[in-house]
Amino acid sequence: PHPSTNMLGGTTASVIKQNALWLNSRGMWMGYLMSVVFLNFLLNCIPVLSVSMVWTLTNIIHNVGNYIMFHCVKSSPYETMDQREDQLLTNWEQLDYGEQFTATRKFLMTVPIILFFLAAFFTIHDVILTALNIAALLIGIVPKLPYFHGFRLRNLLASD
């Protein structure tokens, strides 16, 4: 539990950040997984796409969307007392108050890996699709590693 929760069951509302804890419920995990399954189902409904292309597109769309949502979007969608602190942090950095290797973070790192294995299985030795799936996996995993906490690619590019 977070330090703002006391033993009597009370919480300090001004300390709890909704944007840090919104993905912690198992219901949100199920909704997240169902959205990936629904995306795959929608792509399967397009008759010109092969099964291997559908899984590759599912992998790419998921990981690029995940990257944008967690690693590009800053600030908080909720009104908080410390809004200025949150303006500098991405959603991933705010998740679980920045604590690494929580159950939620492990879950969010596992989904791209599972999607990669599924996409790789269905691509059946197609070199181009496999390369696209590897690139999507890197987009989905590398920014989540603890080494990249607080890392800004644009700051690296601007230093030249």
N, C-alpha and C. Protein backbone atom coordinates (compact mmCIF):
# COMPACT_ATOMS: atom_id res chain seq x y z
N PRO A 1 0.83 -1.20 0.00
CA PRO A 1 0.00 0.00 0.00
C PRO A 1 0.86 1.25 0.00
N HIS A 2 0.29 2.28 -0.47
CA HIS A 2 1.00 3.56 -0.53
C HIS A 2 1.08 4.17 0.87
N PRO A 3 2.11 4.94 1.16
CA PRO A 3 2.30 5.50 2.49
C PRO A 3 1.16 6.41 2.95
N SER A 4 0.33 6.88 2.05
CA SER A 4 -0.75 7.76 2.49
C SER A 4 -1.92 6.99 3.08
N THR A 5 -1.88 5.66 3.02
CA THR A 5 -2.94 4.84 3.59
C THR A 5 -2.54 4.46 5.01
N ASN A 6 -3.40 4.76 5.97
CA ASN A 6 -3.05 4.40 7.34
C ASN A 6 -3.72 3.10 7.74
N MET A 7 -3.40 2.59 8.92
CA MET A 7 -3.89 1.30 9.38
C MET A 7 -5.39 1.33 9.69
N LEU A 8 -5.96 2.48 9.90
CA LEU A 8 -7.38 2.57 10.22
C LEU A 8 -8.25 2.61 8.96
N GLY A 9 -7.62 2.53 7.81
CA GLY A 9 -8.39 2.48 6.57
C GLY A 9 -8.62 3.85 5.95
N GLY A 10 -8.13 4.90 6.58
CA GLY A 10 -8.31 6.24 6.04
C GLY A 10 -7.21 6.59 5.07
N THR A 11 -7.51 7.53 4.21
CA THR A 11 -6.50 8.00 3.28
C THR A 11 -6.50 9.51 3.28
N THR A 12 -5.43 10.07 2.85
CA THR A 12 -5.34 11.50 2.68
C THR A 12 -5.59 11.79 1.22
N ALA A 13 -6.73 12.38 0.90
CA ALA A 13 -7.16 12.56 -0.48
C ALA A 13 -6.20 13.41 -1.28
N SER A 14 -5.55 14.37 -0.66
CA SER A 14 -4.67 15.25 -1.41
C SER A 14 -3.36 14.57 -1.79
N VAL A 15 -3.02 13.43 -1.15
CA VAL A 15 -1.77 12.74 -1.44
C VAL A 15 -1.99 11.67 -2.51
N ILE A 16 -3.15 11.04 -2.53
CA ILE A 16 -3.43 9.99 -3.51
C ILE A 16 -3.55 10.61 -4.89
N LYS A 17 -2.74 10.13 -5.80
CA LYS A 17 -2.80 10.62 -7.18
C LYS A 17 -3.52 9.58 -8.03
N GLN A 18 -4.67 9.95 -8.56
CA GLN A 18 -5.44 9.02 -9.37
C GLN A 18 -4.67 8.57 -10.60
N ASN A 19 -3.88 9.45 -11.19
CA ASN A 19 -3.13 9.09 -12.38
C ASN A 19 -2.01 8.10 -12.08
N ALA A 20 -1.65 7.93 -10.82
CA ALA A 20 -0.60 6.98 -10.46
C ALA A 20 -1.17 5.59 -10.20
N LEU A 21 -2.45 5.50 -9.96
CA LEU A 21 -3.03 4.22 -9.53
C LEU A 21 -4.15 3.70 -10.42
N TRP A 22 -4.46 4.38 -11.53
CA TRP A 22 -5.64 4.02 -12.30
C TRP A 22 -5.56 2.66 -12.96
N LEU A 23 -4.39 2.12 -13.17
CA LEU A 23 -4.26 0.81 -13.81
C LEU A 23 -4.05 -0.33 -12.83
N ASN A 24 -4.18 -0.08 -11.55
CA ASN A 24 -3.85 -1.11 -10.56
C ASN A 24 -4.94 -2.16 -10.36
N SER A 25 -6.15 -1.91 -10.78
CA SER A 25 -7.21 -2.89 -10.53
C SER A 25 -7.17 -4.00 -11.59
N ARG A 26 -7.53 -5.19 -11.19
CA ARG A 26 -7.55 -6.32 -12.11
C ARG A 26 -8.62 -6.11 -13.18
N GLY A 27 -9.66 -5.36 -12.88
CA GLY A 27 -10.68 -5.03 -13.87
C GLY A 27 -10.11 -4.21 -15.02
N MET A 28 -9.21 -3.29 -14.69
CA MET A 28 -8.56 -2.50 -15.74
C MET A 28 -7.63 -3.39 -16.57
N TRP A 29 -6.99 -4.33 -15.93
CA TRP A 29 -6.14 -5.25 -16.67
C TRP A 29 -6.98 -6.05 -17.67
N MET A 30 -8.13 -6.53 -17.21
CA MET A 30 -9.01 -7.31 -18.09
C MET A 30 -9.52 -6.44 -19.23
N GLY A 31 -9.89 -5.21 -18.93
CA GLY A 31 -10.34 -4.29 -19.97
C GLY A 31 -9.24 -4.01 -20.98
N TYR A 32 -8.02 -3.88 -20.49
CA TYR A 32 -6.87 -3.66 -21.35
C TYR A 32 -6.67 -4.84 -22.30
N LEU A 33 -6.69 -6.05 -21.74
CA LEU A 33 -6.53 -7.24 -22.56
C LEU A 33 -7.67 -7.40 -23.56
N MET A 34 -8.88 -7.09 -23.12
CA MET A 34 -10.03 -7.20 -24.02
C MET A 34 -9.94 -6.18 -25.16
N SER A 35 -9.37 -5.03 -24.90
CA SER A 35 -9.20 -4.05 -25.98
C SER A 35 -8.20 -4.55 -27.02
N VAL A 36 -7.16 -5.26 -26.59
CA VAL A 36 -6.19 -5.84 -27.53
C VAL A 36 -6.87 -6.95 -28.34
N VAL A 37 -7.66 -7.78 -27.69
CA VAL A 37 -8.39 -8.85 -28.39
C VAL A 37 -9.38 -8.23 -29.38
N PHE A 38 -10.05 -7.17 -28.98
CA PHE A 38 -11.01 -6.50 -29.86
C PHE A 38 -10.30 -5.88 -31.06
N LEU A 39 -9.13 -5.29 -30.86
CA LEU A 39 -8.35 -4.74 -31.96
C LEU A 39 -8.01 -5.85 -32.95
N ASN A 40 -7.56 -6.99 -32.44
CA ASN A 40 -7.23 -8.11 -33.30
C ASN A 40 -8.46 -8.60 -34.06
N PHE A 41 -9.60 -8.65 -33.38
CA PHE A 41 -10.84 -9.07 -34.02
C PHE A 41 -11.23 -8.10 -35.14
N LEU A 42 -11.14 -6.80 -34.88
CA LEU A 42 -11.46 -5.81 -35.91
C LEU A 42 -10.56 -5.95 -37.13
N LEU A 43 -9.27 -6.14 -36.88
CA LEU A 43 -8.34 -6.30 -38.00
C LEU A 43 -8.61 -7.59 -38.77
N ASN A 44 -9.06 -8.64 -38.08
CA ASN A 44 -9.41 -9.89 -38.74
C ASN A 44 -10.64 -9.74 -39.63
N CYS A 45 -11.45 -8.74 -39.37
CA CYS A 45 -12.65 -8.51 -40.18
C CYS A 45 -12.33 -7.86 -41.53
N ILE A 46 -11.13 -7.39 -41.71
CA ILE A 46 -10.72 -6.79 -42.98
C ILE A 46 -10.27 -7.93 -43.89
N PRO A 47 -11.02 -8.22 -44.94
CA PRO A 47 -10.75 -9.43 -45.73
C PRO A 47 -9.43 -9.45 -46.48
N VAL A 48 -8.84 -8.31 -46.78
CA VAL A 48 -7.60 -8.30 -47.56
C VAL A 48 -6.36 -8.58 -46.72
N LEU A 49 -6.51 -8.62 -45.41
CA LEU A 49 -5.36 -8.84 -44.52
C LEU A 49 -5.20 -10.32 -44.21
N SER A 50 -3.97 -10.80 -44.35
CA SER A 50 -3.68 -12.18 -43.96
C SER A 50 -3.58 -12.27 -42.44
N VAL A 51 -3.59 -13.48 -41.94
CA VAL A 51 -3.48 -13.69 -40.50
C VAL A 51 -2.16 -13.14 -39.97
N SER A 52 -1.09 -13.35 -40.71
CA SER A 52 0.21 -12.84 -40.26
C SER A 52 0.24 -11.32 -40.24
N MET A 53 -0.41 -10.70 -41.23
CA MET A 53 -0.47 -9.24 -41.27
C MET A 53 -1.35 -8.70 -40.13
N VAL A 54 -2.42 -9.41 -39.82
CA VAL A 54 -3.31 -8.99 -38.73
C VAL A 54 -2.56 -8.99 -37.40
N TRP A 55 -1.80 -10.04 -37.13
CA TRP A 55 -1.07 -10.11 -35.86
C TRP A 55 0.05 -9.08 -35.81
N THR A 56 0.69 -8.84 -36.95
CA THR A 56 1.74 -7.81 -37.00
C THR A 56 1.14 -6.43 -36.76
N LEU A 57 0.01 -6.15 -37.41
CA LEU A 57 -0.65 -4.85 -37.20
C LEU A 57 -1.15 -4.71 -35.76
N THR A 58 -1.67 -5.79 -35.19
CA THR A 58 -2.10 -5.74 -33.79
C THR A 58 -0.92 -5.38 -32.89
N ASN A 59 0.21 -6.01 -33.13
CA ASN A 59 1.42 -5.76 -32.35
C ASN A 59 1.88 -4.32 -32.52
N ILE A 60 1.95 -3.85 -33.76
CA ILE A 60 2.43 -2.49 -34.03
C ILE A 60 1.49 -1.44 -33.46
N ILE A 61 0.19 -1.58 -33.73
CA ILE A 61 -0.78 -0.59 -33.24
C ILE A 61 -0.78 -0.54 -31.72
N HIS A 62 -0.74 -1.71 -31.09
CA HIS A 62 -0.73 -1.75 -29.62
C HIS A 62 0.51 -1.05 -29.07
N ASN A 63 1.69 -1.40 -29.58
CA ASN A 63 2.93 -0.87 -29.00
C ASN A 63 3.13 0.61 -29.31
N VAL A 64 2.77 1.05 -30.50
CA VAL A 64 2.88 2.48 -30.81
C VAL A 64 1.87 3.28 -29.97
N GLY A 65 0.64 2.77 -29.88
CA GLY A 65 -0.36 3.43 -29.03
C GLY A 65 0.05 3.47 -27.57
N ASN A 66 0.61 2.35 -27.11
CA ASN A 66 1.10 2.27 -25.74
C ASN A 66 2.23 3.26 -25.51
N TYR A 67 3.14 3.38 -26.48
CA TYR A 67 4.25 4.33 -26.36
C TYR A 67 3.72 5.77 -26.26
N ILE A 68 2.79 6.10 -27.13
CA ILE A 68 2.23 7.46 -27.10
C ILE A 68 1.52 7.72 -25.78
N MET A 69 0.70 6.77 -25.36
CA MET A 69 -0.10 6.96 -24.14
C MET A 69 0.75 7.05 -22.87
N PHE A 70 1.75 6.20 -22.77
CA PHE A 70 2.52 6.13 -21.52
C PHE A 70 3.81 6.94 -21.53
N HIS A 71 4.41 7.16 -22.70
CA HIS A 71 5.74 7.76 -22.72
C HIS A 71 5.81 9.12 -23.40
N CYS A 72 4.76 9.52 -24.07
CA CYS A 72 4.74 10.85 -24.70
C CYS A 72 3.82 11.82 -23.97
N VAL A 73 2.72 11.32 -23.45
CA VAL A 73 1.75 12.17 -22.77
C VAL A 73 2.27 12.51 -21.38
N LYS A 74 2.32 13.79 -21.09
CA LYS A 74 2.76 14.25 -19.78
C LYS A 74 1.57 14.87 -19.05
N SER A 75 1.78 15.17 -17.79
CA SER A 75 0.79 15.82 -16.93
C SER A 75 -0.21 14.80 -16.43
N SER A 76 -1.29 15.27 -15.87
CA SER A 76 -2.28 14.42 -15.26
C SER A 76 -3.66 14.77 -15.80
N PRO A 77 -4.47 13.76 -16.11
CA PRO A 77 -5.84 14.05 -16.54
C PRO A 77 -6.74 14.45 -15.36
N TYR A 78 -6.24 14.27 -14.15
CA TYR A 78 -7.00 14.58 -12.94
C TYR A 78 -6.47 15.87 -12.32
N GLU A 79 -7.33 16.62 -11.74
CA GLU A 79 -6.95 17.85 -11.04
C GLU A 79 -6.33 17.46 -9.70
N THR A 80 -5.08 17.82 -9.50
CA THR A 80 -4.40 17.50 -8.25
C THR A 80 -3.79 18.76 -7.67
N MET A 81 -3.44 18.68 -6.40
CA MET A 81 -2.85 19.83 -5.73
C MET A 81 -1.41 20.08 -6.19
N ASP A 82 -0.74 19.03 -6.65
CA ASP A 82 0.65 19.17 -7.08
C ASP A 82 0.77 19.04 -8.59
N GLN A 83 -0.10 19.71 -9.29
CA GLN A 83 -0.15 19.64 -10.75
C GLN A 83 1.19 20.01 -11.41
N ARG A 84 1.92 20.91 -10.80
CA ARG A 84 3.19 21.33 -11.40
C ARG A 84 4.20 20.20 -11.45
N GLU A 85 4.23 19.35 -10.42
CA GLU A 85 5.14 18.21 -10.44
C GLU A 85 4.77 17.24 -11.55
N ASP A 86 3.49 17.01 -11.73
CA ASP A 86 3.02 16.05 -12.73
C ASP A 86 3.21 16.54 -14.15
N GLN A 87 3.33 17.82 -14.37
CA GLN A 87 3.49 18.35 -15.72
C GLN A 87 4.80 17.90 -16.35
N LEU A 88 5.78 17.57 -15.55
CA LEU A 88 7.08 17.18 -16.07
C LEU A 88 7.23 15.68 -16.24
N LEU A 89 6.27 14.91 -15.74
CA LEU A 89 6.37 13.45 -15.76
C LEU A 89 5.43 12.85 -16.80
N THR A 90 5.89 11.77 -17.44
CA THR A 90 5.01 11.03 -18.35
C THR A 90 4.07 10.15 -17.52
N ASN A 91 3.07 9.59 -18.19
CA ASN A 91 2.15 8.70 -17.47
C ASN A 91 2.88 7.49 -16.90
N TRP A 92 3.87 6.98 -17.62
CA TRP A 92 4.63 5.83 -17.11
C TRP A 92 5.41 6.19 -15.85
N GLU A 93 6.00 7.36 -15.83
CA GLU A 93 6.78 7.79 -14.66
C GLU A 93 5.88 8.04 -13.45
N GLN A 94 4.63 8.40 -13.67
CA GLN A 94 3.71 8.64 -12.57
C GLN A 94 3.07 7.35 -12.06
N LEU A 95 3.03 6.33 -12.91
CA LEU A 95 2.38 5.07 -12.56
C LEU A 95 3.01 4.46 -11.31
N ASP A 96 2.20 4.09 -10.35
CA ASP A 96 2.66 3.50 -9.09
C ASP A 96 3.69 4.39 -8.39
N TYR A 97 3.52 5.69 -8.52
CA TYR A 97 4.39 6.69 -7.89
C TYR A 97 5.85 6.52 -8.30
N GLY A 98 6.08 5.98 -9.49
CA GLY A 98 7.44 5.83 -9.99
C GLY A 98 8.17 4.60 -9.49
N GLU A 99 7.52 3.81 -8.65
CA GLU A 99 8.16 2.60 -8.12
C GLU A 99 8.31 1.58 -9.24
N GLN A 100 9.49 1.00 -9.36
CA GLN A 100 9.79 0.06 -10.44
C GLN A 100 9.36 -1.36 -10.07
N PHE A 101 9.05 -2.14 -11.07
CA PHE A 101 8.76 -3.57 -10.97
C PHE A 101 7.57 -3.89 -10.07
N THR A 102 6.55 -3.05 -10.11
CA THR A 102 5.30 -3.38 -9.43
C THR A 102 4.53 -4.35 -10.32
N ALA A 103 3.48 -4.92 -9.77
CA ALA A 103 2.68 -5.88 -10.54
C ALA A 103 2.10 -5.24 -11.80
N THR A 104 1.65 -4.01 -11.69
CA THR A 104 1.08 -3.32 -12.86
C THR A 104 2.13 -3.09 -13.92
N ARG A 105 3.30 -2.65 -13.53
CA ARG A 105 4.37 -2.41 -14.50
C ARG A 105 4.81 -3.72 -15.15
N LYS A 106 4.89 -4.80 -14.38
CA LYS A 106 5.26 -6.09 -14.95
C LYS A 106 4.20 -6.54 -15.96
N PHE A 107 2.94 -6.33 -15.62
CA PHE A 107 1.85 -6.69 -16.52
C PHE A 107 1.97 -5.90 -17.82
N LEU A 108 2.20 -4.60 -17.73
CA LEU A 108 2.30 -3.75 -18.91
C LEU A 108 3.56 -4.03 -19.73
N MET A 109 4.56 -4.66 -19.14
CA MET A 109 5.74 -5.07 -19.90
C MET A 109 5.56 -6.46 -20.50
N THR A 110 4.71 -7.27 -19.90
CA THR A 110 4.49 -8.63 -20.38
C THR A 110 3.60 -8.67 -21.62
N VAL A 111 2.61 -7.79 -21.69
CA VAL A 111 1.67 -7.81 -22.82
C VAL A 111 2.40 -7.61 -24.16
N PRO A 112 3.30 -6.64 -24.32
CA PRO A 112 4.00 -6.54 -25.61
C PRO A 112 4.85 -7.77 -25.94
N ILE A 113 5.40 -8.41 -24.93
CA ILE A 113 6.20 -9.61 -25.18
C ILE A 113 5.32 -10.74 -25.68
N ILE A 114 4.17 -10.93 -25.05
CA ILE A 114 3.23 -11.97 -25.49
C ILE A 114 2.73 -11.67 -26.90
N LEU A 115 2.40 -10.40 -27.16
CA LEU A 115 1.96 -10.03 -28.51
C LEU A 115 3.06 -10.31 -29.54
N PHE A 116 4.29 -10.03 -29.17
CA PHE A 116 5.40 -10.32 -30.08
C PHE A 116 5.49 -11.82 -30.39
N PHE A 117 5.39 -12.65 -29.36
CA PHE A 117 5.47 -14.10 -29.59
C PHE A 117 4.31 -14.58 -30.46
N LEU A 118 3.11 -14.06 -30.22
CA LEU A 118 1.97 -14.44 -31.07
C LEU A 118 2.18 -13.98 -32.51
N ALA A 119 2.62 -12.74 -32.68
CA ALA A 119 2.86 -12.23 -34.03
C ALA A 119 3.98 -13.01 -34.72
N ALA A 120 5.03 -13.32 -33.99
CA ALA A 120 6.15 -14.08 -34.56
C ALA A 120 5.71 -15.48 -34.96
N PHE A 121 4.85 -16.10 -34.16
CA PHE A 121 4.34 -17.43 -34.48
C PHE A 121 3.54 -17.41 -35.77
N PHE A 122 2.70 -16.39 -35.94
CA PHE A 122 1.83 -16.35 -37.11
C PHE A 122 2.50 -15.77 -38.36
N THR A 123 3.65 -15.14 -38.24
CA THR A 123 4.32 -14.61 -39.43
C THR A 123 5.03 -15.70 -40.23
N ILE A 124 5.32 -16.82 -39.64
CA ILE A 124 5.87 -18.00 -40.30
C ILE A 124 7.05 -17.64 -41.21
N HIS A 125 8.10 -17.17 -40.62
CA HIS A 125 9.38 -16.92 -41.29
C HIS A 125 9.35 -15.83 -42.34
N ASP A 126 8.42 -14.89 -42.24
CA ASP A 126 8.42 -13.72 -43.13
C ASP A 126 9.39 -12.70 -42.55
N VAL A 127 10.49 -12.46 -43.24
CA VAL A 127 11.57 -11.62 -42.71
C VAL A 127 11.10 -10.19 -42.46
N ILE A 128 10.33 -9.62 -43.37
CA ILE A 128 9.89 -8.23 -43.23
C ILE A 128 8.94 -8.09 -42.04
N LEU A 129 7.97 -8.98 -41.94
CA LEU A 129 7.02 -8.90 -40.82
C LEU A 129 7.73 -9.16 -39.49
N THR A 130 8.68 -10.08 -39.49
CA THR A 130 9.44 -10.35 -38.27
C THR A 130 10.23 -9.11 -37.85
N ALA A 131 10.84 -8.42 -38.80
CA ALA A 131 11.59 -7.19 -38.49
C ALA A 131 10.65 -6.12 -37.94
N LEU A 132 9.47 -6.00 -38.53
CA LEU A 132 8.48 -5.03 -38.02
C LEU A 132 8.04 -5.39 -36.60
N ASN A 133 7.86 -6.68 -36.35
CA ASN A 133 7.46 -7.12 -35.00
C ASN A 133 8.56 -6.88 -33.98
N ILE A 134 9.81 -7.07 -34.37
CA ILE A 134 10.93 -6.80 -33.45
C ILE A 134 11.00 -5.30 -33.14
N ALA A 135 10.83 -4.48 -34.18
CA ALA A 135 10.84 -3.02 -33.97
C ALA A 135 9.70 -2.60 -33.04
N ALA A 136 8.52 -3.19 -33.24
CA ALA A 136 7.37 -2.89 -32.38
C ALA A 136 7.64 -3.33 -30.94
N LEU A 137 8.28 -4.48 -30.78
CA LEU A 137 8.62 -4.96 -29.43
C LEU A 137 9.57 -3.98 -28.74
N LEU A 138 10.56 -3.51 -29.47
CA LEU A 138 11.50 -2.55 -28.88
C LEU A 138 10.79 -1.25 -28.49
N ILE A 139 9.87 -0.79 -29.31
CA ILE A 139 9.09 0.41 -28.98
C ILE A 139 8.24 0.17 -27.74
N GLY A 140 7.74 -1.06 -27.59
CA GLY A 140 6.88 -1.37 -26.46
C GLY A 140 7.61 -1.66 -25.16
N ILE A 141 8.87 -2.06 -25.22
CA ILE A 141 9.59 -2.49 -24.02
C ILE A 141 10.68 -1.53 -23.57
N VAL A 142 11.51 -1.07 -24.47
CA VAL A 142 12.70 -0.28 -24.09
C VAL A 142 12.35 0.96 -23.26
N PRO A 143 11.34 1.76 -23.63
CA PRO A 143 11.05 2.95 -22.81
C PRO A 143 10.58 2.62 -21.39
N LYS A 144 10.14 1.39 -21.17
CA LYS A 144 9.64 1.00 -19.85
C LYS A 144 10.75 0.56 -18.90
N LEU A 145 11.93 0.35 -19.41
CA LEU A 145 13.03 -0.11 -18.56
C LEU A 145 13.43 0.98 -17.57
N PRO A 146 13.83 0.58 -16.36
CA PRO A 146 14.19 1.57 -15.33
C PRO A 146 15.30 2.54 -15.77
N TYR A 147 16.19 2.10 -16.62
CA TYR A 147 17.27 2.96 -17.09
C TYR A 147 16.73 4.21 -17.79
N PHE A 148 15.57 4.10 -18.43
CA PHE A 148 15.02 5.21 -19.19
C PHE A 148 14.02 6.04 -18.39
N HIS A 149 13.93 5.83 -17.08
CA HIS A 149 13.06 6.64 -16.24
C HIS A 149 13.57 8.08 -16.23
N GLY A 150 12.77 9.00 -16.72
CA GLY A 150 13.17 10.40 -16.79
C GLY A 150 13.95 10.76 -18.05
N PHE A 151 14.22 9.77 -18.89
CA PHE A 151 14.97 9.99 -20.13
C PHE A 151 14.08 10.66 -21.16
N ARG A 152 14.59 11.69 -21.83
CA ARG A 152 13.85 12.38 -22.88
C ARG A 152 14.69 12.35 -24.15
N LEU A 153 14.16 11.69 -25.17
CA LEU A 153 14.88 11.57 -26.44
C LEU A 153 15.11 12.93 -27.07
N ARG A 154 14.15 13.82 -26.96
CA ARG A 154 14.31 15.15 -27.57
C ARG A 154 15.42 15.94 -26.90
N ASN A 155 15.69 15.72 -25.62
CA ASN A 155 16.81 16.39 -24.96
C ASN A 155 18.14 15.89 -25.50
N LEU A 156 18.20 14.60 -25.81
CA LEU A 156 19.41 14.02 -26.39
C LEU A 156 19.65 14.59 -27.78
N LEU A 157 18.59 14.70 -28.57
CA LEU A 157 18.70 15.23 -29.92
C LEU A 157 19.01 16.72 -29.93
N ALA A 158 18.51 17.45 -28.94
CA ALA A 158 18.71 18.90 -28.87
C ALA A 158 20.12 19.26 -28.42
N SER A 159 20.83 18.33 -27.78
CA SER A 159 22.16 18.64 -27.26
C SER A 159 23.22 18.72 -28.35
N ASP A 160 22.89 18.26 -29.56
CA ASP A 160 23.88 18.30 -30.65
C ASP A 160 24.06 19.68 -31.21
